[in-house]
Amino acid sequence: MADANIIKMKKAQRRRKRVRKSIVGTPDCPRLTVAKSLKNVFAQIIDDVNHVTLAAVATNSKVIAKELKDDMTKTQKARQAGLALARLAKEKGVERVVFDRNVSRYHGRVKAVAEGAREGGLKF
């Protein structure tokens, strides 16, 4: 079983490298990266040149706890996280971002975060 997990991790590292080799966040256009676990979604806006996280939000953070309801699906919670991240980014003066899906496919909760961020006013 350990061998299967090692292979899975190596494949994920290769996917991450392949995605990240063409995506770099600058001060003018930072990188919006999305990571997910089984229960939560985590999204950050990162300036790679200065190595600074400009805004971050997660579905389990206190920033959006009052917006989330218990009967919402994980995808709906991810969309709310995208909206909250866009709101935080607007406060910091960020208008444009480049999207980094990390090792996940652009599907489901990752897509919901992107759509929520676009709905909140971020441009990709």
C-alpha atoms as a PDB file:
ATOM      1  CA  MET A   1       0.000   0.000   0.000  1.00  0.00           C
ATOM      2  CA  ALA A   2       2.851   2.362   0.706  1.00  0.00           C
ATOM      3  CA  ASP A   3       4.094   1.977  -2.851  1.00  0.00           C
ATOM      4  CA  ALA A   4       0.738   3.077  -4.261  1.00  0.00           C
ATOM      5  CA  ASN A   5       0.765   6.193  -2.077  1.00  0.00           C
ATOM      6  CA  ILE A   6       4.310   7.045  -3.145  1.00  0.00           C
ATOM      7  CA  ILE A   7       3.351   6.690  -6.806  1.00  0.00           C
ATOM      8  CA  LYS A   8       0.267   8.857  -6.219  1.00  0.00           C
ATOM      9  CA  MET A   9       2.365  11.584  -4.567  1.00  0.00           C
ATOM     10  CA  LYS A  10       4.937  11.538  -7.367  1.00  0.00           C
ATOM     11  CA  LYS A  11       2.214  11.883  -9.984  1.00  0.00           C
ATOM     12  CA  ALA A  12       0.743  14.831  -8.060  1.00  0.00           C
ATOM     13  CA  GLN A  13       4.177  16.490  -7.863  1.00  0.00           C
ATOM     14  CA  ARG A  14       4.603  16.090 -11.634  1.00  0.00           C
ATOM     15  CA  ARG A  15       1.173  17.625 -12.275  1.00  0.00           C
ATOM     16  CA  ARG A  16       1.975  20.531  -9.934  1.00  0.00           C
ATOM     17  CA  LYS A  17       5.286  21.178 -11.730  1.00  0.00           C
ATOM     18  CA  ARG A  18       3.629  21.018 -15.145  1.00  0.00           C
ATOM     19  CA  VAL A  19       0.936  23.503 -14.132  1.00  0.00           C
ATOM     20  CA  ARG A  20       3.293  25.872 -12.286  1.00  0.00           C
ATOM     21  CA  LYS A  21       6.006  26.133 -14.955  1.00  0.00           C
ATOM     22  CA  SER A  22       3.822  28.501 -16.984  1.00  0.00           C
ATOM     23  CA  ILE A  23       2.107  30.328 -14.091  1.00  0.00           C
ATOM     24  CA  VAL A  24       3.911  33.035 -12.122  1.00  0.00           C
ATOM     25  CA  GLY A  25       2.267  35.630  -9.914  1.00  0.00           C
ATOM     26  CA  THR A  26       3.586  39.169 -10.243  1.00  0.00           C
ATOM     27  CA  PRO A  27       2.707  42.268  -8.202  1.00  0.00           C
ATOM     28  CA  ASP A  28       0.455  43.443 -11.067  1.00  0.00           C
ATOM     29  CA  CYS A  29      -1.178  40.054 -11.648  1.00  0.00           C
ATOM     30  CA  PRO A  30      -0.772  37.723  -8.648  1.00  0.00           C
ATOM     31  CA  ARG A  31      -1.502  33.989  -8.624  1.00  0.00           C
ATOM     32  CA  LEU A  32      -4.776  32.619  -7.246  1.00  0.00           C
ATOM     33  CA  THR A  33      -4.051  29.092  -6.053  1.00  0.00           C
ATOM     34  CA  VAL A  34      -6.619  26.557  -4.897  1.00  0.00           C
ATOM     35  CA  ALA A  35      -6.044  23.491  -2.734  1.00  0.00           C
ATOM     36  CA  LYS A  36      -8.653  21.130  -1.402  1.00  0.00           C
ATOM     37  CA  SER A  37      -9.013  18.459   1.215  1.00  0.00           C
ATOM     38  CA  LEU A  38     -11.896  16.049   1.668  1.00  0.00           C
ATOM     39  CA  LYS A  39     -13.934  18.599   3.660  1.00  0.00           C
ATOM     40  CA  ASN A  40     -12.504  22.062   2.926  1.00  0.00           C
ATOM     41  CA  VAL A  41     -11.223  24.276   0.129  1.00  0.00           C
ATOM     42  CA  PHE A  42      -8.320  26.680   0.591  1.00  0.00           C
ATOM     43  CA  ALA A  43      -7.613  29.606  -1.729  1.00  0.00           C
ATOM     44  CA  GLN A  44      -4.804  32.169  -1.658  1.00  0.00           C
ATOM     45  CA  ILE A  45      -3.705  35.101  -3.770  1.00  0.00           C
ATOM     46  CA  ILE A  46       0.098  35.090  -3.890  1.00  0.00           C
ATOM     47  CA  ASP A  47       2.704  37.506  -5.235  1.00  0.00           C
ATOM     48  CA  ASP A  48       5.555  35.155  -6.254  1.00  0.00           C
ATOM     49  CA  VAL A  49       8.068  37.937  -6.928  1.00  0.00           C
ATOM     50  CA  ASN A  50       7.920  39.335  -3.396  1.00  0.00           C
ATOM     51  CA  HIS A  51       6.949  35.977  -1.792  1.00  0.00           C
ATOM     52  CA  VAL A  52       3.874  37.480  -0.107  1.00  0.00           C
ATOM     53  CA  THR A  53       0.370  36.112   0.414  1.00  0.00           C
ATOM     54  CA  LEU A  54      -1.994  39.007  -0.301  1.00  0.00           C
ATOM     55  CA  ALA A  55      -5.270  37.330   0.678  1.00  0.00           C
ATOM     56  CA  ALA A  56      -6.338  33.912   1.878  1.00  0.00           C
ATOM     57  CA  VAL A  57      -9.609  32.216   2.693  1.00  0.00           C
ATOM     58  CA  ALA A  58     -10.783  28.700   3.515  1.00  0.00           C
ATOM     59  CA  THR A  59     -14.191  27.159   3.957  1.00  0.00           C
ATOM     60  CA  ASN A  60     -13.373  26.529   7.627  1.00  0.00           C
ATOM     61  CA  SER A  61     -12.089  30.065   8.337  1.00  0.00           C
ATOM     62  CA  LYS A  62     -13.814  32.580  10.562  1.00  0.00           C
ATOM     63  CA  VAL A  63     -13.852  35.110   7.697  1.00  0.00           C
ATOM     64  CA  ILE A  64     -16.747  33.365   5.941  1.00  0.00           C
ATOM     65  CA  ALA A  65     -18.223  31.271   8.777  1.00  0.00           C
ATOM     66  CA  LYS A  66     -21.355  33.434   9.010  1.00  0.00           C
ATOM     67  CA  GLU A  67     -21.991  33.176   5.250  1.00  0.00           C
ATOM     68  CA  LEU A  68     -21.933  29.365   5.192  1.00  0.00           C
ATOM     69  CA  LYS A  69     -24.962  27.314   6.203  1.00  0.00           C
ATOM     70  CA  ASP A  70     -25.015  23.712   7.361  1.00  0.00           C
ATOM     71  CA  ASP A  71     -27.279  22.570   4.525  1.00  0.00           C
ATOM     72  CA  MET A  72     -24.910  23.872   1.793  1.00  0.00           C
ATOM     73  CA  THR A  73     -22.983  21.424  -0.344  1.00  0.00           C
ATOM     74  CA  LYS A  74     -19.181  21.527  -0.498  1.00  0.00           C
ATOM     75  CA  THR A  75     -19.376  23.048  -3.983  1.00  0.00           C
ATOM     76  CA  GLN A  76     -21.649  25.839  -2.780  1.00  0.00           C
ATOM     77  CA  LYS A  77     -19.277  26.514   0.119  1.00  0.00           C
ATOM     78  CA  ALA A  78     -16.379  26.671  -2.365  1.00  0.00           C
ATOM     79  CA  ARG A  79     -18.257  29.267  -4.430  1.00  0.00           C
ATOM     80  CA  GLN A  80     -18.770  31.374  -1.287  1.00  0.00           C
ATOM     81  CA  ALA A  81     -15.053  31.071  -0.562  1.00  0.00           C
ATOM     82  CA  GLY A  82     -14.329  32.430  -4.050  1.00  0.00           C
ATOM     83  CA  LEU A  83     -16.662  35.366  -3.468  1.00  0.00           C
ATOM     84  CA  ALA A  84     -15.027  36.120  -0.107  1.00  0.00           C
ATOM     85  CA  LEU A  85     -11.549  35.925  -1.644  1.00  0.00           C
ATOM     86  CA  ALA A  86     -12.556  38.346  -4.393  1.00  0.00           C
ATOM     87  CA  ARG A  87     -13.870  40.746  -1.752  1.00  0.00           C
ATOM     88  CA  LEU A  88     -10.579  40.555   0.196  1.00  0.00           C
ATOM     89  CA  ALA A  89      -8.591  41.029  -3.013  1.00  0.00           C
ATOM     90  CA  LYS A  90     -10.589  44.138  -3.939  1.00  0.00           C
ATOM     91  CA  GLU A  91      -9.758  45.618  -0.522  1.00  0.00           C
ATOM     92  CA  LYS A  92      -6.058  45.026  -1.238  1.00  0.00           C
ATOM     93  CA  GLY A  93      -6.354  46.604  -4.697  1.00  0.00           C
ATOM     94  CA  VAL A  94      -6.022  43.415  -6.749  1.00  0.00           C
ATOM     95  CA  GLU A  95      -8.100  43.368  -9.944  1.00  0.00           C
ATOM     96  CA  ARG A  96      -6.416  40.737 -12.136  1.00  0.00           C
ATOM     97  CA  VAL A  97      -5.105  37.305 -11.177  1.00  0.00           C
ATOM     98  CA  VAL A  98      -3.767  34.225 -12.899  1.00  0.00           C
ATOM     99  CA  PHE A  99      -5.469  30.974 -11.844  1.00  0.00           C
ATOM    100  CA  ASP A 100      -3.454  28.041 -10.484  1.00  0.00           C
ATOM    101  CA  ARG A 101      -5.485  24.863 -10.101  1.00  0.00           C
ATOM    102  CA  ASN A 102      -2.558  23.072  -8.423  1.00  0.00           C
ATOM    103  CA  VAL A 103      -2.825  19.255  -8.796  1.00  0.00           C
ATOM    104  CA  SER A 104      -6.621  19.173  -9.162  1.00  0.00           C
ATOM    105  CA  ARG A 105      -8.626  19.226 -12.353  1.00  0.00           C
ATOM    106  CA  TYR A 106     -10.605  22.369 -13.226  1.00  0.00           C
ATOM    107  CA  HIS A 107     -13.802  20.686 -12.161  1.00  0.00           C
ATOM    108  CA  GLY A 108     -16.209  20.680  -9.244  1.00  0.00           C
ATOM    109  CA  ARG A 109     -15.045  22.629  -6.196  1.00  0.00           C
ATOM    110  CA  VAL A 110     -11.970  24.102  -7.931  1.00  0.00           C
ATOM    111  CA  LYS A 111     -14.183  25.418 -10.723  1.00  0.00           C
ATOM    112  CA  ALA A 112     -16.671  26.744  -8.146  1.00  0.00           C
ATOM    113  CA  VAL A 113     -13.934  28.805  -6.446  1.00  0.00           C
ATOM    114  CA  ALA A 114     -12.926  30.259  -9.821  1.00  0.00           C
ATOM    115  CA  GLU A 115     -16.517  31.098 -10.744  1.00  0.00           C
ATOM    116  CA  GLY A 116     -17.104  32.685  -7.343  1.00  0.00           C
ATOM    117  CA  ALA A 117     -13.976  34.806  -7.709  1.00  0.00           C
ATOM    118  CA  ARG A 118     -15.073  35.932 -11.182  1.00  0.00           C
ATOM    119  CA  GLU A 119     -18.529  36.710  -9.836  1.00  0.00           C
ATOM    120  CA  GLY A 120     -16.895  38.786  -7.105  1.00  0.00           C
ATOM    121  CA  GLY A 121     -15.114  40.898  -9.704  1.00  0.00           C
ATOM    122  CA  LEU A 122     -11.686  39.328 -10.242  1.00  0.00           C
ATOM    123  CA  LYS A 123     -10.469  39.034 -13.825  1.00  0.00           C
ATOM    124  CA  PHE A 124      -8.497  35.964 -14.974  1.00  0.00           C
END
